[in-house]
Amino acid sequence: MPERIQNIENKFKQLQALMVLLREECPWDQAQTIESLRRCLLEESHEVLEAMDKAHQTGQWQDLKSELGDLLLQISFHCCIAEEKQAFNFDDVIDTLVAKMIYRHPHIFADAKPQDLLEQWESLKDDEHQERTSLMDGIPPLPALAYAQKQQQRAARVGFDWLDVNDVIEKMQEELDELAYEVRHQHPQSRIEDEFGDVLFTLTNLAQKLNIDAELCLMQSNRKFDRRFRRMESIASEQSLDLKQCKLDALEALYQQAKQERGCPR
């Protein structure tokens, strides 16, 4: 009977009660641990990003509403498991968050003079983690591009960074030349992989200089390629073409046609 959940007026309490009920009565939910839910949390986070882009690009917000709910369920799930372990509960998470935000906004809550807000934020975060011995400590296990950009942000705090974006472009060309040299001379795969990684790392520094998010840019390009390739397949089908039988020039022509169509945004 859904009424036993829906009749709870406080929405946070309603969600907590739902999660407890699922843990008690659903075999799948009962079997989950914080380890098994890692992939779910990651997938839901990426689906939120997808829905954010859709809301921004098309003004359609319904998917974002749904995906934020799925992400909130994951948070509630972890809080429920933690409470079962007598570690903390949902209220503790909110209390910790509120206290942290008050501490990190002294220009609002403590009459501090306004300053560079990003610099103030990072400084206060550092004060919370005084046990760190390196600027590289405490970077979360992000995807590789995002992790590299975070590393470079940390290094830039002490001035270990190129001064100008053109210096980064020059360095990137240098790294590309080194990669090309390894490939042309058919050097061991390990050396090619090492140089390829250097190219990607330098590229993320360029993103940092341009004030863009390398991870999000790649995600957007992935989605763009997906749209174009699907349209390319449709065009081939309309023309009774088998992509596997097409030469590269013909495939490129189909891709360019898909790229130019209004229904397949650039």
Protein backbone atom coordinates (compact mmCIF):
# COMPACT_ATOMS: atom_id res chain seq x y z
CA MET A 1 0.00 0.00 0.00
CA PRO A 2 1.72 3.21 -1.18
CA GLU A 3 -0.23 5.28 1.33
CA ARG A 4 2.14 4.26 4.12
CA ILE A 5 4.78 6.36 2.32
CA GLN A 6 2.73 8.96 0.49
CA ASN A 7 0.91 10.07 3.65
CA ILE A 8 4.17 11.33 5.22
CA GLU A 9 4.07 15.12 4.75
CA ASN A 10 7.75 15.96 5.24
CA LYS A 11 9.44 15.11 1.94
CA PHE A 12 12.83 14.23 3.42
CA LYS A 13 11.18 11.97 6.00
CA GLN A 14 9.11 10.45 3.21
CA LEU A 15 12.26 9.60 1.25
CA GLN A 16 13.97 8.19 4.33
CA ALA A 17 10.93 6.02 5.12
CA LEU A 18 10.82 4.79 1.53
CA MET A 19 14.48 3.79 1.66
CA VAL A 20 14.04 1.93 4.94
CA LEU A 21 11.04 0.10 3.51
CA LEU A 22 12.96 -0.90 0.38
CA ARG A 23 15.82 -2.20 2.50
CA GLU A 24 13.39 -4.26 4.58
CA GLU A 25 11.19 -5.71 1.84
CA CYS A 26 12.99 -5.67 -1.53
CA PRO A 27 15.55 -8.48 -2.07
CA TRP A 28 17.62 -6.42 -4.52
CA ASP A 29 17.83 -3.40 -2.22
CA GLN A 30 18.66 -5.64 0.72
CA ALA A 31 21.63 -7.10 -1.16
CA GLN A 32 23.26 -3.75 -1.95
CA THR A 33 26.36 -2.36 -0.23
CA ILE A 34 28.27 0.88 -0.61
CA GLU A 35 30.65 -1.05 -2.86
CA SER A 36 27.96 -2.49 -5.15
CA LEU A 37 26.30 0.92 -5.50
CA ARG A 38 29.42 2.67 -6.79
CA ARG A 39 28.53 2.08 -10.45
CA CYS A 40 24.93 3.15 -9.86
CA LEU A 41 26.05 6.43 -8.32
CA LEU A 42 28.45 7.10 -11.18
CA GLU A 43 25.85 6.31 -13.83
CA GLU A 44 23.21 8.46 -12.16
CA SER A 45 25.67 11.36 -11.94
CA HIS A 46 26.37 11.18 -15.66
CA GLU A 47 22.66 10.99 -16.43
CA VAL A 48 22.17 14.18 -14.43
CA LEU A 49 24.83 15.86 -16.56
CA GLU A 50 23.04 14.70 -19.71
CA ALA A 51 19.75 16.09 -18.43
CA MET A 52 21.42 19.40 -17.47
CA ASP A 53 22.70 19.80 -21.02
CA LYS A 54 19.24 19.03 -22.40
CA ALA A 55 17.65 21.62 -20.10
CA HIS A 56 20.22 24.20 -21.14
CA GLN A 57 20.03 23.50 -24.87
CA THR A 58 16.30 22.86 -25.32
CA GLY A 59 14.60 24.32 -22.26
CA GLN A 60 13.19 20.87 -21.42
CA TRP A 61 13.57 20.43 -17.65
CA GLN A 62 11.52 17.29 -17.00
CA ASP A 63 14.41 14.88 -17.51
CA LEU A 64 16.54 16.86 -15.07
CA LYS A 65 13.79 16.66 -12.45
CA SER A 66 13.67 12.89 -12.83
CA GLU A 67 17.45 12.36 -12.89
CA LEU A 68 18.03 14.55 -9.83
CA GLY A 69 15.51 12.37 -8.04
CA ASP A 70 17.46 9.25 -9.03
CA LEU A 71 20.66 10.83 -7.74
CA LEU A 72 18.95 11.83 -4.50
CA LEU A 73 17.80 8.24 -4.09
CA GLN A 74 21.43 7.11 -4.27
CA ILE A 75 22.35 9.56 -1.53
CA SER A 76 19.45 8.36 0.59
CA PHE A 77 20.50 4.75 -0.07
CA HIS A 78 24.02 5.37 1.27
CA CYS A 79 22.66 7.24 4.29
CA CYS A 80 20.36 4.32 5.06
CA ILE A 81 23.22 1.82 4.88
CA ALA A 82 25.38 4.06 7.06
CA GLU A 83 22.59 4.31 9.64
CA GLU A 84 22.31 0.52 9.69
CA LYS A 85 26.03 0.48 10.50
CA GLN A 86 25.44 3.10 13.21
CA ALA A 87 27.87 5.42 11.42
CA PHE A 88 25.61 8.40 10.56
CA ASN A 89 22.17 9.17 9.16
CA PHE A 90 20.52 11.51 6.65
CA ASP A 91 20.11 14.29 9.22
CA ASP A 92 23.83 14.06 10.09
CA VAL A 93 24.73 14.50 6.42
CA ILE A 94 22.58 17.64 6.18
CA ASP A 95 23.95 19.03 9.46
CA THR A 96 27.52 18.49 8.25
CA LEU A 97 26.76 20.15 4.92
CA VAL A 98 25.10 23.19 6.50
CA ALA A 99 27.98 23.69 8.95
CA LYS A 100 30.51 23.36 6.13
CA MET A 101 28.72 25.91 3.93
CA ILE A 102 28.46 28.41 6.79
CA TYR A 103 32.20 28.02 7.47
CA ARG A 104 33.10 28.46 3.81
CA HIS A 105 31.03 31.65 3.41
CA PRO A 106 32.47 34.02 6.04
CA HIS A 107 31.60 36.99 3.80
CA ILE A 108 27.94 36.10 4.46
CA PHE A 109 27.88 34.60 7.95
CA ALA A 110 30.89 36.12 9.75
CA ASP A 111 31.11 39.71 8.47
CA ALA A 112 34.38 38.97 6.69
CA LYS A 113 35.47 41.39 3.98
CA PRO A 114 34.69 40.15 0.47
CA GLN A 115 37.73 38.88 -1.43
CA ASP A 116 38.40 36.60 -4.37
CA LEU A 117 35.68 34.08 -3.61
CA LEU A 118 37.33 31.12 -5.37
CA GLU A 119 40.62 31.76 -3.61
CA GLN A 120 38.80 32.13 -0.28
CA TRP A 121 36.90 28.87 -0.90
CA GLU A 122 40.07 26.90 -1.68
CA SER A 123 41.91 28.39 1.31
CA LEU A 124 39.12 27.44 3.70
CA LYS A 125 38.99 23.93 2.24
CA ASP A 126 42.73 23.61 2.85
CA ASP A 127 42.27 24.71 6.47
CA GLU A 128 39.73 21.89 6.91
CA HIS A 129 42.37 19.39 5.83
CA GLN A 130 45.50 20.56 7.61
CA GLU A 131 46.77 16.98 7.79
CA ARG A 132 47.52 17.08 4.07
CA THR A 133 51.23 17.08 3.30
CA SER A 134 50.96 17.79 -0.42
CA LEU A 135 48.80 19.93 -2.67
CA MET A 136 48.07 16.71 -4.52
CA ASP A 137 46.45 15.18 -1.43
CA GLY A 138 42.68 14.91 -1.31
CA ILE A 139 41.89 14.97 -5.03
CA PRO A 140 38.85 12.70 -5.46
CA PRO A 141 39.00 9.68 -7.80
CA LEU A 142 37.63 11.57 -10.78
CA PRO A 143 37.71 10.41 -14.42
CA ALA A 144 41.21 10.85 -15.84
CA LEU A 145 40.68 14.13 -17.71
CA ALA A 146 38.94 15.77 -14.76
CA TYR A 147 41.61 14.43 -12.39
CA ALA A 148 44.41 15.89 -14.54
CA GLN A 149 42.70 19.28 -14.62
CA LYS A 150 42.28 19.23 -10.85
CA GLN A 151 45.98 18.39 -10.42
CA GLN A 152 46.93 21.37 -12.55
CA GLN A 153 44.62 23.66 -10.61
CA ARG A 154 46.40 22.61 -7.42
CA ALA A 155 49.87 23.13 -8.92
CA ALA A 156 48.87 26.57 -10.21
CA ARG A 157 48.25 27.71 -6.62
CA VAL A 158 52.01 27.94 -6.11
CA GLY A 159 52.66 29.35 -9.57
CA PHE A 160 53.69 26.07 -11.21
CA ASP A 161 51.90 26.81 -14.46
CA TRP A 162 52.47 28.44 -17.84
CA LEU A 163 51.89 32.18 -17.84
CA ASP A 164 50.23 32.39 -21.23
CA VAL A 165 47.84 30.19 -23.22
CA ASN A 166 50.20 30.36 -26.21
CA ASP A 167 52.91 28.73 -24.11
CA VAL A 168 50.56 25.81 -23.49
CA ILE A 169 49.78 25.51 -27.21
CA GLU A 170 53.50 25.48 -27.96
CA LYS A 171 54.05 22.78 -25.35
CA MET A 172 51.16 20.76 -26.76
CA GLN A 173 52.74 20.87 -30.21
CA GLU A 174 56.01 19.71 -28.68
CA GLU A 175 54.25 16.76 -27.05
CA LEU A 176 52.49 15.89 -30.33
CA ASP A 177 55.84 15.92 -32.13
CA GLU A 178 57.28 13.55 -29.52
CA LEU A 179 54.30 11.23 -29.93
CA ALA A 180 54.66 11.30 -33.72
CA TYR A 181 58.36 10.46 -33.40
CA GLU A 182 57.60 7.40 -31.24
CA VAL A 183 54.92 6.22 -33.69
CA ARG A 184 57.01 6.77 -36.83
CA HIS A 185 59.94 4.83 -35.42
CA GLN A 186 57.66 2.04 -34.16
CA HIS A 187 58.98 2.28 -30.63
CA PRO A 188 57.55 0.02 -27.88
CA GLN A 189 53.87 0.45 -27.05
CA SER A 190 54.74 1.57 -23.52
CA ARG A 191 56.66 4.59 -24.88
CA ILE A 192 53.84 5.49 -27.27
CA GLU A 193 51.31 5.27 -24.42
CA ASP A 194 53.53 7.47 -22.25
CA GLU A 195 53.75 10.19 -24.91
CA PHE A 196 50.04 9.92 -25.67
CA GLY A 197 49.32 10.51 -21.99
CA ASP A 198 51.56 13.59 -22.04
CA VAL A 199 49.53 14.99 -24.95
CA LEU A 200 46.27 14.51 -23.04
CA PHE A 201 47.74 15.99 -19.87
CA THR A 202 48.93 19.10 -21.70
CA LEU A 203 45.55 19.38 -23.43
CA THR A 204 43.81 19.52 -20.06
CA ASN A 205 46.13 22.35 -19.06
CA LEU A 206 45.01 24.21 -22.17
CA ALA A 207 41.41 23.67 -21.00
CA GLN A 208 42.40 25.11 -17.64
CA LYS A 209 43.86 28.19 -19.30
CA LEU A 210 40.75 28.66 -21.42
CA ASN A 211 38.54 28.25 -18.33
CA ILE A 212 36.66 25.28 -19.76
CA ASP A 213 36.00 21.82 -18.33
CA ALA A 214 37.91 19.20 -20.34
CA GLU A 215 35.73 16.33 -19.11
CA LEU A 216 32.47 18.05 -20.05
CA CYS A 217 33.87 19.09 -23.43
CA LEU A 218 34.73 15.48 -24.26
CA MET A 219 31.31 14.30 -23.09
CA GLN A 220 29.68 16.88 -25.39
CA SER A 221 31.84 15.76 -28.32
CA ASN A 222 30.95 12.13 -27.60
CA ARG A 223 27.25 12.97 -27.77
CA LYS A 224 27.75 15.05 -30.92
CA PHE A 225 29.56 12.18 -32.66
CA ASP A 226 26.82 9.79 -31.56
CA ARG A 227 24.12 12.00 -33.13
CA ARG A 228 26.03 12.43 -36.37
CA PHE A 229 26.96 8.77 -36.71
CA ARG A 230 23.38 7.66 -36.12
CA ARG A 231 22.21 10.10 -38.80
CA MET A 232 24.98 8.85 -41.08
CA GLU A 233 23.63 5.30 -40.63
CA SER A 234 20.12 6.53 -41.47
CA ILE A 235 21.31 8.25 -44.65
CA ALA A 236 23.14 5.11 -45.72
CA SER A 237 20.00 3.07 -45.12
CA GLU A 238 17.91 5.53 -47.17
CA GLN A 239 20.38 5.13 -50.02
CA SER A 240 20.52 1.32 -49.63
CA LEU A 241 24.22 1.50 -48.77
CA ASP A 242 26.07 -0.97 -46.57
CA LEU A 243 28.54 0.99 -44.45
CA LYS A 244 30.83 -2.04 -44.23
CA GLN A 245 31.15 -2.04 -48.01
CA CYS A 246 31.83 1.71 -48.35
CA LYS A 247 35.31 3.09 -48.86
CA LEU A 248 36.63 5.75 -46.51
CA ASP A 249 35.89 8.62 -48.94
CA ALA A 250 32.27 7.51 -49.19
CA LEU A 251 31.97 7.19 -45.41
CA GLU A 252 33.43 10.67 -44.97
CA ALA A 253 30.94 12.08 -47.48
CA LEU A 254 28.05 10.50 -45.56
CA TYR A 255 29.40 11.88 -42.29
CA GLN A 256 29.75 15.37 -43.75
CA GLN A 257 26.17 15.19 -45.03
CA ALA A 258 24.96 14.21 -41.56
CA LYS A 259 27.04 16.98 -40.04
CA GLN A 260 25.45 19.65 -42.24
CA GLU A 261 21.82 18.69 -41.65
CA ARG A 262 19.78 20.85 -39.30
CA GLY A 263 18.54 17.81 -37.43
CA CYS A 264 22.10 16.92 -36.47
CA PRO A 265 23.55 19.95 -34.63
CA ARG A 266 27.16 20.88 -35.18
